[in-house]
C-alpha cells in the first residue's frame, strides 16, 4: 500500500482544548470535522496519551479553533509538540474562555467552536469525541491553515501522537 495516498485527504489544522480539575491543555489536530448540521455536531479524534484527551473526558466538553495561515512553527509547536503535563499552554494574554469556561487561543485562529460532549468512540490509539456545538464564531477572514500548506509551505512535521503520523 502507498500511504502517501492519505496525503490526498484534505485536512485543516485546529487546536482542541479543555479544562478540568484545575488543569487546562490543548493540542493540534487535523481531525476536527462537522458530522451533522441539525443540530451542528463536530467530531475530533485525540490520542489517548495526550492530556487534552483526559481533560475532555473529565470536562464533558471541548473547545476548538481553526488555525489560519498566520500560524508559524513556533506557535504550532507550542500546542502540537509540547505536553500540557509539563508546559502551561494557556497562560498568557492570548487565552480567553468560552461561555462554559473552556480555554482557547484566538491568536492565529479564524474561527472557534465550543461543544458539549455527547458521545465517544474508542479507536484504539485515539478517542473520537462527538460534541454538539453550543457556540461558534468567525474570528478573522484569514485563510484557514490546511495540512498541505503546513507540510509544503511551512515545512512542518507530524508528531507521533497524530493520526496522520507515518514512521520513516
C-alpha atoms as a PDB file:
ATOM      1  CA  UNK A   1       0.000   0.000   0.000  1.00  0.00           C
ATOM      2  CA  UNK A   2       1.148   3.522  -0.753  1.00  0.00           C
ATOM      3  CA  UNK A   3       0.456   5.502   2.428  1.00  0.00           C
ATOM      4  CA  UNK A   4       1.125   8.745   0.554  1.00  0.00           C
ATOM      5  CA  UNK A   5      -2.409   8.329  -0.792  1.00  0.00           C
ATOM      6  CA  UNK A   6      -3.534   9.501   2.665  1.00  0.00           C
ATOM      7  CA  UNK A   7      -1.965  12.902   1.877  1.00  0.00           C
ATOM      8  CA  UNK A   8      -4.720  13.384  -0.712  1.00  0.00           C
ATOM      9  CA  UNK A   9      -7.365  13.515   2.029  1.00  0.00           C
ATOM     10  CA  UNK A  10      -7.858  17.198   2.800  1.00  0.00           C
ATOM     11  CA  UNK A  11      -7.493  18.448   6.356  1.00  0.00           C
ATOM     12  CA  UNK A  12      -7.294  21.679   8.258  1.00  0.00           C
ATOM     13  CA  UNK A  13      -5.274  22.260  11.399  1.00  0.00           C
ATOM     14  CA  UNK A  14      -7.015  23.023  14.676  1.00  0.00           C
ATOM     15  CA  UNK A  15      -6.221  23.415  18.349  1.00  0.00           C
ATOM     16  CA  UNK A  16      -8.621  21.452  20.564  1.00  0.00           C
ATOM     17  CA  UNK A  17      -8.683  22.327  24.263  1.00  0.00           C
ATOM     18  CA  UNK A  18     -10.343  21.505  27.557  1.00  0.00           C
ATOM     19  CA  UNK A  19     -10.055  22.183  31.264  1.00  0.00           C
ATOM     20  CA  UNK A  20     -10.935  20.019  34.270  1.00  0.00           C
ATOM     21  CA  UNK A  21      -9.784  19.711  37.873  1.00  0.00           C
ATOM     22  CA  UNK A  22      -7.831  22.967  37.619  1.00  0.00           C
ATOM     23  CA  UNK A  23      -5.748  21.766  34.650  1.00  0.00           C
ATOM     24  CA  UNK A  24      -6.025  23.037  31.097  1.00  0.00           C
ATOM     25  CA  UNK A  25      -4.421  21.828  27.896  1.00  0.00           C
ATOM     26  CA  UNK A  26      -4.797  21.831  24.161  1.00  0.00           C
ATOM     27  CA  UNK A  27      -3.310  20.014  21.212  1.00  0.00           C
ATOM     28  CA  UNK A  28      -3.044  20.467  17.466  1.00  0.00           C
ATOM     29  CA  UNK A  29      -5.250  18.082  15.487  1.00  0.00           C
ATOM     30  CA  UNK A  30      -6.200  17.642  11.869  1.00  0.00           C
ATOM     31  CA  UNK A  31      -9.294  15.578  12.627  1.00  0.00           C
ATOM     32  CA  UNK A  32     -11.950  18.158  13.543  1.00  0.00           C
ATOM     33  CA  UNK A  33     -14.949  17.659  11.253  1.00  0.00           C
ATOM     34  CA  UNK A  34     -18.574  18.671  11.033  1.00  0.00           C
ATOM     35  CA  UNK A  35     -20.660  15.491  11.120  1.00  0.00           C
ATOM     36  CA  UNK A  36     -24.247  16.865  11.229  1.00  0.00           C
ATOM     37  CA  UNK A  37     -25.935  20.194  10.572  1.00  0.00           C
ATOM     38  CA  UNK A  38     -29.179  19.982  12.582  1.00  0.00           C
ATOM     39  CA  UNK A  39     -28.037  20.119  15.309  1.00  0.00           C
ATOM     40  CA  UNK A  40     -24.456  21.089  14.482  1.00  0.00           C
ATOM     41  CA  UNK A  41     -22.207  18.319  15.731  1.00  0.00           C
ATOM     42  CA  UNK A  42     -18.446  18.113  15.396  1.00  0.00           C
ATOM     43  CA  UNK A  43     -16.123  15.164  15.840  1.00  0.00           C
ATOM     44  CA  UNK A  44     -12.465  15.189  16.806  1.00  0.00           C
ATOM     45  CA  UNK A  45     -10.007  12.345  17.384  1.00  0.00           C
ATOM     46  CA  UNK A  46      -7.403  12.830  20.126  1.00  0.00           C
ATOM     47  CA  UNK A  47      -4.580  10.478  21.075  1.00  0.00           C
ATOM     48  CA  UNK A  48      -5.205   8.713  24.395  1.00  0.00           C
ATOM     49  CA  UNK A  49      -1.709   9.707  25.610  1.00  0.00           C
ATOM     50  CA  UNK A  50      -2.494  13.431  25.339  1.00  0.00           C
ATOM     51  CA  UNK A  51      -3.536  15.310  28.459  1.00  0.00           C
ATOM     52  CA  UNK A  52      -6.180  17.013  26.317  1.00  0.00           C
ATOM     53  CA  UNK A  53      -7.902  13.646  25.824  1.00  0.00           C
ATOM     54  CA  UNK A  54      -8.105  13.083  29.575  1.00  0.00           C
ATOM     55  CA  UNK A  55      -9.419  16.617  30.177  1.00  0.00           C
ATOM     56  CA  UNK A  56     -12.143  16.338  27.521  1.00  0.00           C
ATOM     57  CA  UNK A  57     -13.355  13.129  29.161  1.00  0.00           C
ATOM     58  CA  UNK A  58     -13.430  14.754  32.612  1.00  0.00           C
ATOM     59  CA  UNK A  59     -14.921  18.081  31.481  1.00  0.00           C
ATOM     60  CA  UNK A  60     -17.559  16.580  29.207  1.00  0.00           C
ATOM     61  CA  UNK A  61     -16.854  19.300  26.666  1.00  0.00           C
ATOM     62  CA  UNK A  62     -14.192  20.790  24.422  1.00  0.00           C
ATOM     63  CA  UNK A  63     -13.328  23.980  22.612  1.00  0.00           C
ATOM     64  CA  UNK A  64     -11.555  24.233  19.271  1.00  0.00           C
ATOM     65  CA  UNK A  65     -10.134  26.885  16.994  1.00  0.00           C
ATOM     66  CA  UNK A  66      -9.467  26.647  13.268  1.00  0.00           C
ATOM     67  CA  UNK A  67      -5.915  27.872  12.720  1.00  0.00           C
ATOM     68  CA  UNK A  68      -5.215  30.298   9.907  1.00  0.00           C
ATOM     69  CA  UNK A  69      -2.174  30.756   7.698  1.00  0.00           C
ATOM     70  CA  UNK A  70      -0.588  33.237  10.129  1.00  0.00           C
ATOM     71  CA  UNK A  71       0.294  30.297  12.430  1.00  0.00           C
ATOM     72  CA  UNK A  72       4.030  29.646  12.293  1.00  0.00           C
ATOM     73  CA  UNK A  73       6.117  26.715  13.514  1.00  0.00           C
ATOM     74  CA  UNK A  74       6.735  28.329  16.903  1.00  0.00           C
ATOM     75  CA  UNK A  75       3.004  28.774  17.539  1.00  0.00           C
ATOM     76  CA  UNK A  76       2.117  25.301  16.225  1.00  0.00           C
ATOM     77  CA  UNK A  77       4.946  23.816  18.295  1.00  0.00           C
ATOM     78  CA  UNK A  78       3.502  25.284  21.491  1.00  0.00           C
ATOM     79  CA  UNK A  79       0.286  23.298  21.059  1.00  0.00           C
ATOM     80  CA  UNK A  80       1.454  20.421  18.874  1.00  0.00           C
ATOM     81  CA  UNK A  81       4.896  19.400  20.085  1.00  0.00           C
ATOM     82  CA  UNK A  82       4.833  20.167  23.814  1.00  0.00           C
ATOM     83  CA  UNK A  83       2.958  18.304  26.515  1.00  0.00           C
ATOM     84  CA  UNK A  84       0.445  20.094  28.689  1.00  0.00           C
ATOM     85  CA  UNK A  85       1.665  17.839  31.526  1.00  0.00           C
ATOM     86  CA  UNK A  86       4.829  19.944  31.865  1.00  0.00           C
ATOM     87  CA  UNK A  87       4.056  23.175  29.983  1.00  0.00           C
ATOM     88  CA  UNK A  88       1.257  25.680  30.673  1.00  0.00           C
ATOM     89  CA  UNK A  89      -0.202  26.275  27.221  1.00  0.00           C
ATOM     90  CA  UNK A  90      -2.965  28.593  28.377  1.00  0.00           C
ATOM     91  CA  UNK A  91      -1.052  31.107  30.496  1.00  0.00           C
ATOM     92  CA  UNK A  92      -0.885  34.492  28.857  1.00  0.00           C
ATOM     93  CA  UNK A  93      -2.834  37.323  27.272  1.00  0.00           C
ATOM     94  CA  UNK A  94      -3.952  35.420  24.158  1.00  0.00           C
ATOM     95  CA  UNK A  95      -6.011  32.933  26.191  1.00  0.00           C
ATOM     96  CA  UNK A  96      -9.723  33.563  26.531  1.00  0.00           C
ATOM     97  CA  UNK A  97     -12.605  31.368  27.677  1.00  0.00           C
ATOM     98  CA  UNK A  98     -15.806  30.370  26.007  1.00  0.00           C
ATOM     99  CA  UNK A  99     -19.193  30.591  27.727  1.00  0.00           C
ATOM    100  CA  UNK A 100     -18.630  27.279  29.515  1.00  0.00           C
ATOM    101  CA  UNK A 101     -15.151  28.202  30.763  1.00  0.00           C
ATOM    102  CA  UNK A 102     -13.103  26.182  28.257  1.00  0.00           C
ATOM    103  CA  UNK A 103      -9.841  27.925  27.297  1.00  0.00           C
ATOM    104  CA  UNK A 104      -8.923  28.737  23.731  1.00  0.00           C
ATOM    105  CA  UNK A 105      -6.381  30.920  22.000  1.00  0.00           C
ATOM    106  CA  UNK A 106      -7.682  33.461  19.486  1.00  0.00           C
ATOM    107  CA  UNK A 107      -4.203  34.211  18.139  1.00  0.00           C
ATOM    108  CA  UNK A 108      -3.707  32.754  14.621  1.00  0.00           C
ATOM    109  CA  UNK A 109      -7.292  31.476  14.562  1.00  0.00           C
ATOM    110  CA  UNK A 110     -10.018  32.237  12.029  1.00  0.00           C
ATOM    111  CA  UNK A 111     -12.945  30.537  13.824  1.00  0.00           C
ATOM    112  CA  UNK A 112     -13.819  28.970  17.152  1.00  0.00           C
ATOM    113  CA  UNK A 113     -16.218  26.280  18.361  1.00  0.00           C
ATOM    114  CA  UNK A 114     -17.468  25.241  21.780  1.00  0.00           C
ATOM    115  CA  UNK A 115     -19.008  21.789  22.123  1.00  0.00           C
ATOM    116  CA  UNK A 116     -20.804  19.755  24.765  1.00  0.00           C
ATOM    117  CA  UNK A 117     -19.664  16.133  24.601  1.00  0.00           C
ATOM    118  CA  UNK A 118     -22.456  13.772  23.545  1.00  0.00           C
ATOM    119  CA  UNK A 119     -20.606  10.599  22.553  1.00  0.00           C
ATOM    120  CA  UNK A 120     -17.189   8.938  22.421  1.00  0.00           C
ATOM    121  CA  UNK A 121     -15.793   6.158  20.253  1.00  0.00           C
ATOM    122  CA  UNK A 122     -12.680   4.221  21.267  1.00  0.00           C
ATOM    123  CA  UNK A 123     -10.449   3.913  18.184  1.00  0.00           C
ATOM    124  CA  UNK A 124      -7.571   2.038  19.827  1.00  0.00           C
ATOM    125  CA  UNK A 125      -4.831   4.682  19.990  1.00  0.00           C
ATOM    126  CA  UNK A 126      -7.300   7.596  19.864  1.00  0.00           C
ATOM    127  CA  UNK A 127     -10.716   8.521  21.189  1.00  0.00           C
ATOM    128  CA  UNK A 128     -13.173  10.181  18.867  1.00  0.00           C
ATOM    129  CA  UNK A 129     -15.222  12.776  20.686  1.00  0.00           C
ATOM    130  CA  UNK A 130     -18.530  13.891  19.219  1.00  0.00           C
ATOM    131  CA  UNK A 131     -19.799  17.192  20.534  1.00  0.00           C
ATOM    132  CA  UNK A 132     -22.826  19.351  19.941  1.00  0.00           C
ATOM    133  CA  UNK A 133     -21.833  22.917  19.118  1.00  0.00           C
ATOM    134  CA  UNK A 134     -23.125  25.461  21.610  1.00  0.00           C
ATOM    135  CA  UNK A 135     -21.026  28.394  20.388  1.00  0.00           C
ATOM    136  CA  UNK A 136     -19.405  29.167  17.026  1.00  0.00           C
ATOM    137  CA  UNK A 137     -17.757  32.387  15.924  1.00  0.00           C
ATOM    138  CA  UNK A 138     -15.739  33.695  12.984  1.00  0.00           C
ATOM    139  CA  UNK A 139     -12.611  35.315  14.431  1.00  0.00           C
ATOM    140  CA  UNK A 140     -10.957  36.581  11.236  1.00  0.00           C
ATOM    141  CA  UNK A 141     -11.273  36.482   7.478  1.00  0.00           C
ATOM    142  CA  UNK A 142      -7.781  34.995   7.113  1.00  0.00           C
ATOM    143  CA  UNK A 143      -7.416  31.786   5.110  1.00  0.00           C
ATOM    144  CA  UNK A 144      -7.634  28.560   7.163  1.00  0.00           C
ATOM    145  CA  UNK A 145      -4.409  26.613   7.594  1.00  0.00           C
ATOM    146  CA  UNK A 146      -4.641  23.385   5.633  1.00  0.00           C
ATOM    147  CA  UNK A 147      -2.464  20.362   6.255  1.00  0.00           C
ATOM    148  CA  UNK A 148      -0.891  20.533   2.757  1.00  0.00           C
ATOM    149  CA  UNK A 149       0.009  24.220   3.394  1.00  0.00           C
ATOM    150  CA  UNK A 150       1.546  23.208   6.726  1.00  0.00           C
ATOM    151  CA  UNK A 151       3.591  20.406   5.133  1.00  0.00           C
ATOM    152  CA  UNK A 152       4.575  22.103   1.877  1.00  0.00           C
ATOM    153  CA  UNK A 153       4.863  25.826   2.713  1.00  0.00           C
ATOM    154  CA  UNK A 154       5.593  25.947   6.445  1.00  0.00           C
ATOM    155  CA  UNK A 155       7.575  22.676   6.152  1.00  0.00           C
ATOM    156  CA  UNK A 156       6.136  21.321   9.405  1.00  0.00           C
ATOM    157  CA  UNK A 157       6.414  17.774  10.679  1.00  0.00           C
ATOM    158  CA  UNK A 158       3.889  15.413  12.256  1.00  0.00           C
ATOM    159  CA  UNK A 159       4.192  14.336  15.913  1.00  0.00           C
ATOM    160  CA  UNK A 160       3.944  10.624  16.704  1.00  0.00           C
ATOM    161  CA  UNK A 161       0.607  11.059  18.515  1.00  0.00           C
ATOM    162  CA  UNK A 162      -1.097  12.411  15.377  1.00  0.00           C
ATOM    163  CA  UNK A 163      -3.406  10.074  13.466  1.00  0.00           C
ATOM    164  CA  UNK A 164      -1.619  11.088  10.247  1.00  0.00           C
ATOM    165  CA  UNK A 165       1.869  10.236  11.592  1.00  0.00           C
ATOM    166  CA  UNK A 166       3.903   7.921   9.383  1.00  0.00           C
ATOM    167  CA  UNK A 167       7.091   6.307  10.644  1.00  0.00           C
ATOM    168  CA  UNK A 168      10.082   6.927   8.402  1.00  0.00           C
END
